[in-house]
Amino acid sequence: MFEDVDCALCGARDEERLFPARDKMFPGQERFSAVRCRRCGLVYLNPRPAAQAHASYYGDSYFYSANNAGAPSRLSITGL
């Protein structure tokens, strides 16, 4: 389940497709498109997985590091 989205930074609907990509951690048949907003330059997925599908991509054990010390931080998908 995917959804088309506007640029989250400037709200434009004017993007150029950069390249196709696959999930490297959990390879499947889905292909994602990385796009760049022509107005502000933000790079993002479009279309992207819909909110209802996030749990299938980010399970209970999903962690990422977002601080300078490299300590893992839990990603909350409930607010996405």
PDB file of N, CA and C in Angstrom:
ATOM      1  N   MET A   1       0.845  -1.167   0.000  1.00  0.00           N
ATOM      2  CA  MET A   1       0.000   0.000   0.000  1.00  0.00           C
ATOM      3  C   MET A   1       0.898   1.242   0.000  1.00  0.00           C
ATOM      4  N   PHE A   2       0.779   2.042  -1.025  1.00  0.00           N
ATOM      5  CA  PHE A   2       1.612   3.223  -1.195  1.00  0.00           C
ATOM      6  C   PHE A   2       0.743   4.461  -1.363  1.00  0.00           C
ATOM      7  N   GLU A   3       1.345   5.620  -1.099  1.00  0.00           N
ATOM      8  CA  GLU A   3       0.643   6.889  -1.265  1.00  0.00           C
ATOM      9  C   GLU A   3       1.569   7.896  -1.940  1.00  0.00           C
ATOM     10  N   ASP A   4       0.999   8.706  -2.832  1.00  0.00           N
ATOM     11  CA  ASP A   4       1.742   9.807  -3.440  1.00  0.00           C
ATOM     12  C   ASP A   4       1.707  10.980  -2.474  1.00  0.00           C
ATOM     13  N   VAL A   5       2.838  11.664  -2.334  1.00  0.00           N
ATOM     14  CA  VAL A   5       2.923  12.751  -1.368  1.00  0.00           C
ATOM     15  C   VAL A   5       3.535  14.003  -1.986  1.00  0.00           C
ATOM     16  N   ASP A   6       3.209  15.141  -1.381  1.00  0.00           N
ATOM     17  CA  ASP A   6       3.846  16.410  -1.720  1.00  0.00           C
ATOM     18  C   ASP A   6       5.194  16.466  -1.020  1.00  0.00           C
ATOM     19  N   CYS A   7       6.048  17.378  -1.410  1.00  0.00           N
ATOM     20  CA  CYS A   7       7.315  17.592  -0.729  1.00  0.00           C
ATOM     21  C   CYS A   7       7.024  18.021   0.707  1.00  0.00           C
ATOM     22  N   ALA A   8       7.631  17.330   1.662  1.00  0.00           N
ATOM     23  CA  ALA A   8       7.394  17.635   3.074  1.00  0.00           C
ATOM     24  C   ALA A   8       8.042  18.952   3.496  1.00  0.00           C
ATOM     25  N   LEU A   9       8.979  19.460   2.708  1.00  0.00           N
ATOM     26  CA  LEU A   9       9.666  20.696   3.088  1.00  0.00           C
ATOM     27  C   LEU A   9       8.969  21.938   2.543  1.00  0.00           C
ATOM     28  N   CYS A  10       8.611  21.911   1.259  1.00  0.00           N
ATOM     29  CA  CYS A  10       8.027  23.127   0.669  1.00  0.00           C
ATOM     30  C   CYS A  10       6.610  22.939   0.140  1.00  0.00           C
ATOM     31  N   GLY A  11       6.102  21.703   0.123  1.00  0.00           N
ATOM     32  CA  GLY A  11       4.732  21.450  -0.313  1.00  0.00           C
ATOM     33  C   GLY A  11       4.540  21.335  -1.813  1.00  0.00           C
ATOM     34  N   ALA A  12       5.607  21.412  -2.588  1.00  0.00           N
ATOM     35  CA  ALA A  12       5.497  21.350  -4.045  1.00  0.00           C
ATOM     36  C   ALA A  12       5.159  19.940  -4.516  1.00  0.00           C
ATOM     37  N   ARG A  13       4.592  19.855  -5.704  1.00  0.00           N
ATOM     38  CA  ARG A  13       4.369  18.583  -6.384  1.00  0.00           C
ATOM     39  C   ARG A  13       5.139  18.626  -7.698  1.00  0.00           C
ATOM     40  N   ASP A  14       6.418  18.884  -7.603  1.00  0.00           N
ATOM     41  CA  ASP A  14       7.265  19.002  -8.788  1.00  0.00           C
ATOM     42  C   ASP A  14       8.576  18.291  -8.502  1.00  0.00           C
ATOM     43  N   GLU A  15       8.587  16.965  -8.716  1.00  0.00           N
ATOM     44  CA  GLU A  15       9.792  16.213  -8.410  1.00  0.00           C
ATOM     45  C   GLU A  15      10.346  15.532  -9.648  1.00  0.00           C
ATOM     46  N   GLU A  16      11.641  15.231  -9.586  1.00  0.00           N
ATOM     47  CA  GLU A  16      12.284  14.451 -10.635  1.00  0.00           C
ATOM     48  C   GLU A  16      12.717  13.123 -10.035  1.00  0.00           C
ATOM     49  N   ARG A  17      12.531  12.057 -10.778  1.00  0.00           N
ATOM     50  CA  ARG A  17      12.903  10.732 -10.296  1.00  0.00           C
ATOM     51  C   ARG A  17      14.412  10.583 -10.393  1.00  0.00           C
ATOM     52  N   LEU A  18      15.043  10.167  -9.289  1.00  0.00           N
ATOM     53  CA  LEU A  18      16.483   9.998  -9.264  1.00  0.00           C
ATOM     54  C   LEU A  18      16.894   8.570  -9.596  1.00  0.00           C
ATOM     55  N   PHE A  19      16.328   7.602  -8.873  1.00  0.00           N
ATOM     56  CA  PHE A  19      16.685   6.204  -9.107  1.00  0.00           C
ATOM     57  C   PHE A  19      15.689   5.283  -8.410  1.00  0.00           C
ATOM     58  N   PRO A  20      15.578   4.052  -8.910  1.00  0.00           N
ATOM     59  CA  PRO A  20      14.773   3.064  -8.203  1.00  0.00           C
ATOM     60  C   PRO A  20      15.609   2.431  -7.101  1.00  0.00           C
ATOM     61  N   ALA A  21      14.958   1.969  -6.051  1.00  0.00           N
ATOM     62  CA  ALA A  21      15.683   1.342  -4.943  1.00  0.00           C
ATOM     63  C   ALA A  21      14.859   0.201  -4.383  1.00  0.00           C
ATOM     64  N   ARG A  22      15.562  -0.708  -3.689  1.00  0.00           N
ATOM     65  CA  ARG A  22      14.912  -1.806  -2.970  1.00  0.00           C
ATOM     66  C   ARG A  22      15.372  -1.741  -1.528  1.00  0.00           C
ATOM     67  N   ASP A  23      14.588  -2.331  -0.655  1.00  0.00           N
ATOM     68  CA  ASP A  23      14.950  -2.417   0.754  1.00  0.00           C
ATOM     69  C   ASP A  23      16.089  -3.410   0.899  1.00  0.00           C
ATOM     70  N   LYS A  24      17.263  -2.956   1.340  1.00  0.00           N
ATOM     71  CA  LYS A  24      18.434  -3.822   1.445  1.00  0.00           C
ATOM     72  C   LYS A  24      18.407  -4.709   2.677  1.00  0.00           C
ATOM     73  N   MET A  25      17.693  -4.304   3.729  1.00  0.00           N
ATOM     74  CA  MET A  25      17.622  -5.123   4.935  1.00  0.00           C
ATOM     75  C   MET A  25      16.617  -6.269   4.778  1.00  0.00           C
ATOM     76  N   PHE A  26      15.514  -5.996   4.122  1.00  0.00           N
ATOM     77  CA  PHE A  26      14.458  -6.986   3.935  1.00  0.00           C
ATOM     78  C   PHE A  26      14.046  -6.996   2.465  1.00  0.00           C
ATOM     79  N   PRO A  27      14.872  -7.615   1.620  1.00  0.00           N
ATOM     80  CA  PRO A  27      14.583  -7.581   0.183  1.00  0.00           C
ATOM     81  C   PRO A  27      13.231  -8.209  -0.145  1.00  0.00           C
ATOM     82  N   GLY A  28      12.518  -7.549  -0.971  1.00  0.00           N
ATOM     83  CA  GLY A  28      11.223  -8.035  -1.436  1.00  0.00           C
ATOM     84  C   GLY A  28      11.055  -7.629  -2.880  1.00  0.00           C
ATOM     85  N   GLN A  29       9.868  -7.704  -3.331  1.00  0.00           N
ATOM     86  CA  GLN A  29       9.589  -7.353  -4.722  1.00  0.00           C
ATOM     87  C   GLN A  29       9.306  -5.868  -4.915  1.00  0.00           C
ATOM     88  N   GLU A  30       9.060  -5.138  -3.808  1.00  0.00           N
ATOM     89  CA  GLU A  30       8.742  -3.719  -3.952  1.00  0.00           C
ATOM     90  C   GLU A  30       9.946  -2.940  -4.457  1.00  0.00           C
ATOM     91  N   ARG A  31       9.654  -1.991  -5.290  1.00  0.00           N
ATOM     92  CA  ARG A  31      10.667  -1.036  -5.724  1.00  0.00           C
ATOM     93  C   ARG A  31      10.192   0.339  -5.274  1.00  0.00           C
ATOM     94  N   PHE A  32      11.123   1.103  -4.768  1.00  0.00           N
ATOM     95  CA  PHE A  32      10.830   2.450  -4.313  1.00  0.00           C
ATOM     96  C   PHE A  32      11.488   3.436  -5.261  1.00  0.00           C
ATOM     97  N   SER A  33      10.922   4.614  -5.388  1.00  0.00           N
ATOM     98  CA  SER A  33      11.514   5.655  -6.224  1.00  0.00           C
ATOM     99  C   SER A  33      12.012   6.788  -5.342  1.00  0.00           C
ATOM    100  N   ALA A  34      13.304   7.057  -5.433  1.00  0.00           N
ATOM    101  CA  ALA A  34      13.863   8.234  -4.777  1.00  0.00           C
ATOM    102  C   ALA A  34      13.673   9.400  -5.742  1.00  0.00           C
ATOM    103  N   VAL A  35      13.105  10.478  -5.238  1.00  0.00           N
ATOM    104  CA  VAL A  35      12.853  11.661  -6.062  1.00  0.00           C
ATOM    105  C   VAL A  35      13.454  12.891  -5.393  1.00  0.00           C
ATOM    106  N   ARG A  36      13.709  13.926  -6.176  1.00  0.00           N
ATOM    107  CA  ARG A  36      14.204  15.197  -5.645  1.00  0.00           C
ATOM    108  C   ARG A  36      13.235  16.298  -6.047  1.00  0.00           C
ATOM    109  N   CYS A  37      12.851  17.095  -5.062  1.00  0.00           N
ATOM    110  CA  CYS A  37      11.966  18.230  -5.317  1.00  0.00           C
ATOM    111  C   CYS A  37      12.725  19.257  -6.158  1.00  0.00           C
ATOM    112  N   ARG A  38      12.128  19.666  -7.257  1.00  0.00           N
ATOM    113  CA  ARG A  38      12.773  20.662  -8.124  1.00  0.00           C
ATOM    114  C   ARG A  38      12.769  22.052  -7.508  1.00  0.00           C
ATOM    115  N   ARG A  39      11.881  22.289  -6.559  1.00  0.00           N
ATOM    116  CA  ARG A  39      11.788  23.616  -5.951  1.00  0.00           C
ATOM    117  C   ARG A  39      12.803  23.809  -4.820  1.00  0.00           C
ATOM    118  N   CYS A  40      12.922  22.808  -3.906  1.00  0.00           N
ATOM    119  CA  CYS A  40      13.780  23.015  -2.735  1.00  0.00           C
ATOM    120  C   CYS A  40      14.946  22.017  -2.630  1.00  0.00           C
ATOM    121  N   GLY A  41      14.920  20.935  -3.417  1.00  0.00           N
ATOM    122  CA  GLY A  41      16.029  19.994  -3.428  1.00  0.00           C
ATOM    123  C   GLY A  41      15.921  18.830  -2.458  1.00  0.00           C
ATOM    124  N   LEU A  42      14.842  18.760  -1.663  1.00  0.00           N
ATOM    125  CA  LEU A  42      14.677  17.653  -0.727  1.00  0.00           C
ATOM    126  C   LEU A  42      14.569  16.334  -1.482  1.00  0.00           C
ATOM    127  N   VAL A  43      15.261  15.299  -0.998  1.00  0.00           N
ATOM    128  CA  VAL A  43      15.187  13.970  -1.590  1.00  0.00           C
ATOM    129  C   VAL A  43      14.320  13.105  -0.677  1.00  0.00           C
ATOM    130  N   TYR A  44      13.364  12.395  -1.268  1.00  0.00           N
ATOM    131  CA  TYR A  44      12.432  11.574  -0.491  1.00  0.00           C
ATOM    132  C   TYR A  44      11.861  10.466  -1.373  1.00  0.00           C
ATOM    133  N   LEU A  45      11.139   9.533  -0.759  1.00  0.00           N
ATOM    134  CA  LEU A  45      10.464   8.475  -1.505  1.00  0.00           C
ATOM    135  C   LEU A  45       9.105   8.976  -1.965  1.00  0.00           C
ATOM    136  N   ASN A  46       8.784   8.718  -3.225  1.00  0.00           N
ATOM    137  CA  ASN A  46       7.462   9.032  -3.737  1.00  0.00           C
ATOM    138  C   ASN A  46       7.173   8.153  -4.942  1.00  0.00           C
ATOM    139  N   PRO A  47       6.156   7.292  -4.863  1.00  0.00           N
ATOM    140  CA  PRO A  47       5.263   7.137  -3.727  1.00  0.00           C
ATOM    141  C   PRO A  47       5.975   6.450  -2.570  1.00  0.00           C
ATOM    142  N   ARG A  48       5.429   6.601  -1.387  1.00  0.00           N
ATOM    143  CA  ARG A  48       6.023   6.010  -0.180  1.00  0.00           C
ATOM    144  C   ARG A  48       5.015   5.048   0.454  1.00  0.00           C
ATOM    145  N   PRO A  49       5.502   4.156   1.311  1.00  0.00           N
ATOM    146  CA  PRO A  49       4.561   3.268   1.999  1.00  0.00           C
ATOM    147  C   PRO A  49       3.560   4.089   2.821  1.00  0.00           C
ATOM    148  N   ALA A  50       2.288   3.717   2.730  1.00  0.00           N
ATOM    149  CA  ALA A  50       1.241   4.399   3.499  1.00  0.00           C
ATOM    150  C   ALA A  50       1.415   4.095   4.983  1.00  0.00           C
ATOM    151  N   ALA A  51       0.869   4.936   5.823  1.00  0.00           N
ATOM    152  CA  ALA A  51       1.017   4.789   7.274  1.00  0.00           C
ATOM    153  C   ALA A  51       0.590   3.399   7.747  1.00  0.00           C
ATOM    154  N   GLN A  52      -0.440   2.826   7.130  1.00  0.00           N
ATOM    155  CA  GLN A  52      -0.925   1.510   7.533  1.00  0.00           C
ATOM    156  C   GLN A  52       0.109   0.416   7.264  1.00  0.00           C
ATOM    157  N   ALA A  53       1.050   0.656   6.375  1.00  0.00           N
ATOM    158  CA  ALA A  53       2.045  -0.351   6.004  1.00  0.00           C
ATOM    159  C   ALA A  53       3.362  -0.207   6.762  1.00  0.00           C
ATOM    160  N   HIS A  54       3.520   0.845   7.574  1.00  0.00           N
ATOM    161  CA  HIS A  54       4.797   1.082   8.251  1.00  0.00           C
ATOM    162  C   HIS A  54       5.241  -0.086   9.115  1.00  0.00           C
ATOM    163  N   ALA A  55       4.319  -0.725   9.812  1.00  0.00           N
ATOM    164  CA  ALA A  55       4.688  -1.832  10.705  1.00  0.00           C
ATOM    165  C   ALA A  55       5.344  -2.972   9.944  1.00  0.00           C
ATOM    166  N   SER A  56       4.988  -3.174   8.675  1.00  0.00           N
ATOM    167  CA  SER A  56       5.608  -4.257   7.907  1.00  0.00           C
ATOM    168  C   SER A  56       7.041  -3.907   7.503  1.00  0.00           C
ATOM    169  N   TYR A  57       7.386  -2.642   7.503  1.00  0.00           N
ATOM    170  CA  TYR A  57       8.750  -2.216   7.175  1.00  0.00           C
ATOM    171  C   TYR A  57       9.583  -1.962   8.426  1.00  0.00           C
ATOM    172  N   TYR A  58       8.941  -1.506   9.491  1.00  0.00           N
ATOM    173  CA  TYR A  58       9.621  -1.172  10.735  1.00  0.00           C
ATOM    174  C   TYR A  58       9.015  -1.979  11.872  1.00  0.00           C
ATOM    175  N   GLY A  59       9.540  -3.166  12.120  1.00  0.00           N
ATOM    176  CA  GLY A  59       9.012  -4.038  13.154  1.00  0.00           C
ATOM    177  C   GLY A  59       9.343  -3.551  14.552  1.00  0.00           C
ATOM    178  N   ASP A  60       8.945  -4.336  15.544  1.00  0.00           N
ATOM    179  CA  ASP A  60       9.154  -3.979  16.942  1.00  0.00           C
ATOM    180  C   ASP A  60      10.625  -3.832  17.305  1.00  0.00           C
ATOM    181  N   SER A  61      11.496  -4.489  16.578  1.00  0.00           N
ATOM    182  CA  SER A  61      12.922  -4.451  16.927  1.00  0.00           C
ATOM    183  C   SER A  61      13.703  -3.425  16.106  1.00  0.00           C
ATOM    184  N   TYR A  62      13.006  -2.526  15.392  1.00  0.00           N
ATOM    185  CA  TYR A  62      13.704  -1.549  14.563  1.00  0.00           C
ATOM    186  C   TYR A  62      14.324  -0.453  15.426  1.00  0.00           C
ATOM    187  N   PHE A  63      15.630  -0.252  15.271  1.00  0.00           N
ATOM    188  CA  PHE A  63      16.369   0.806  15.958  1.00  0.00           C
ATOM    189  C   PHE A  63      17.199   1.565  14.942  1.00  0.00           C
ATOM    190  N   TYR A  64      17.503   2.796  15.255  1.00  0.00           N
ATOM    191  CA  TYR A  64      18.434   3.566  14.438  1.00  0.00           C
ATOM    192  C   TYR A  64      19.213   4.482  15.361  1.00  0.00           C
ATOM    193  N   SER A  65      20.351   4.941  14.882  1.00  0.00           N
ATOM    194  CA  SER A  65      21.175   5.837  15.673  1.00  0.00           C
ATOM    195  C   SER A  65      21.003   7.255  15.142  1.00  0.00           C
ATOM    196  N   ALA A  66      20.605   8.161  16.008  1.00  0.00           N
ATOM    197  CA  ALA A  66      20.341   9.524  15.563  1.00  0.00           C
ATOM    198  C   ALA A  66      21.112  10.569  16.349  1.00  0.00           C
ATOM    199  N   ASN A  67      21.991  10.121  17.249  1.00  0.00           N
ATOM    200  CA  ASN A  67      22.733  11.126  18.008  1.00  0.00           C
ATOM    201  C   ASN A  67      24.230  11.002  17.724  1.00  0.00           C
ATOM    202  N   ASN A  68      24.976  11.999  18.097  1.00  0.00           N
ATOM    203  CA  ASN A  68      26.408  12.042  17.799  1.00  0.00           C
ATOM    204  C   ASN A  68      27.200  10.964  18.526  1.00  0.00           C
ATOM    205  N   ALA A  69      26.709  10.482  19.664  1.00  0.00           N
ATOM    206  CA  ALA A  69      27.423   9.467  20.430  1.00  0.00           C
ATOM    207  C   ALA A  69      27.237   8.079  19.841  1.00  0.00           C
ATOM    208  N   GLY A  70      26.318   7.931  18.904  1.00  0.00           N
ATOM    209  CA  GLY A  70      26.079   6.646  18.288  1.00  0.00           C
ATOM    210  C   GLY A  70      25.198   5.717  19.096  1.00  0.00           C
ATOM    211  N   ALA A  71      24.623   6.209  20.191  1.00  0.00           N
ATOM    212  CA  ALA A  71      23.737   5.368  21.001  1.00  0.00           C
ATOM    213  C   ALA A  71      22.437   5.150  20.236  1.00  0.00           C
ATOM    214  N   PRO A  72      21.939   3.908  20.226  1.00  0.00           N
ATOM    215  CA  PRO A  72      20.699   3.655  19.490  1.00  0.00           C
ATOM    216  C   PRO A  72      19.510   4.357  20.127  1.00  0.00           C
ATOM    217  N   SER A  73      18.615   4.802  19.296  1.00  0.00           N
ATOM    218  CA  SER A  73      17.377   5.431  19.730  1.00  0.00           C
ATOM    219  C   SER A  73      16.229   4.679  19.089  1.00  0.00           C
ATOM    220  N   ARG A  74      15.166   4.460  19.818  1.00  0.00           N
ATOM    221  CA  ARG A  74      14.030   3.720  19.277  1.00  0.00           C
ATOM    222  C   ARG A  74      13.206   4.630  18.376  1.00  0.00           C
ATOM    223  N   LEU A  75      12.818   4.114  17.241  1.00  0.00           N
ATOM    224  CA  LEU A  75      11.949   4.850  16.308  1.00  0.00           C
ATOM    225  C   LEU A  75      10.516   4.556  16.657  1.00  0.00           C
ATOM    226  N   SER A  76       9.738   5.574  16.895  1.00  0.00           N
ATOM    227  CA  SER A  76       8.318   5.391  17.172  1.00  0.00           C
ATOM    228  C   SER A  76       7.551   5.568  15.873  1.00  0.00           C
ATOM    229  N   ILE A  77       6.867   4.527  15.439  1.00  0.00           N
ATOM    230  CA  ILE A  77       6.096   4.638  14.201  1.00  0.00           C
ATOM    231  C   ILE A  77       4.676   5.088  14.459  1.00  0.00           C
ATOM    232  N   THR A  78       4.307   5.264  15.718  1.00  0.00           N
ATOM    233  CA  THR A  78       2.932   5.647  16.005  1.00  0.00           C
ATOM    234  C   THR A  78       2.644   7.076  15.579  1.00  0.00           C
ATOM    235  N   GLY A  79       3.653   7.931  15.523  1.00  0.00           N
ATOM    236  CA  GLY A  79       3.425   9.327  15.171  1.00  0.00           C
ATOM    237  C   GLY A  79       3.640   9.618  13.708  1.00  0.00           C
ATOM    238  N   LEU A  80       3.964   8.618  12.903  1.00  0.00           N
ATOM    239  CA  LEU A  80       4.211   8.861  11.483  1.00  0.00           C
ATOM    240  C   LEU A  80       2.948   8.991  10.714  1.00  0.00           C
TER     241      LEU A  80
END
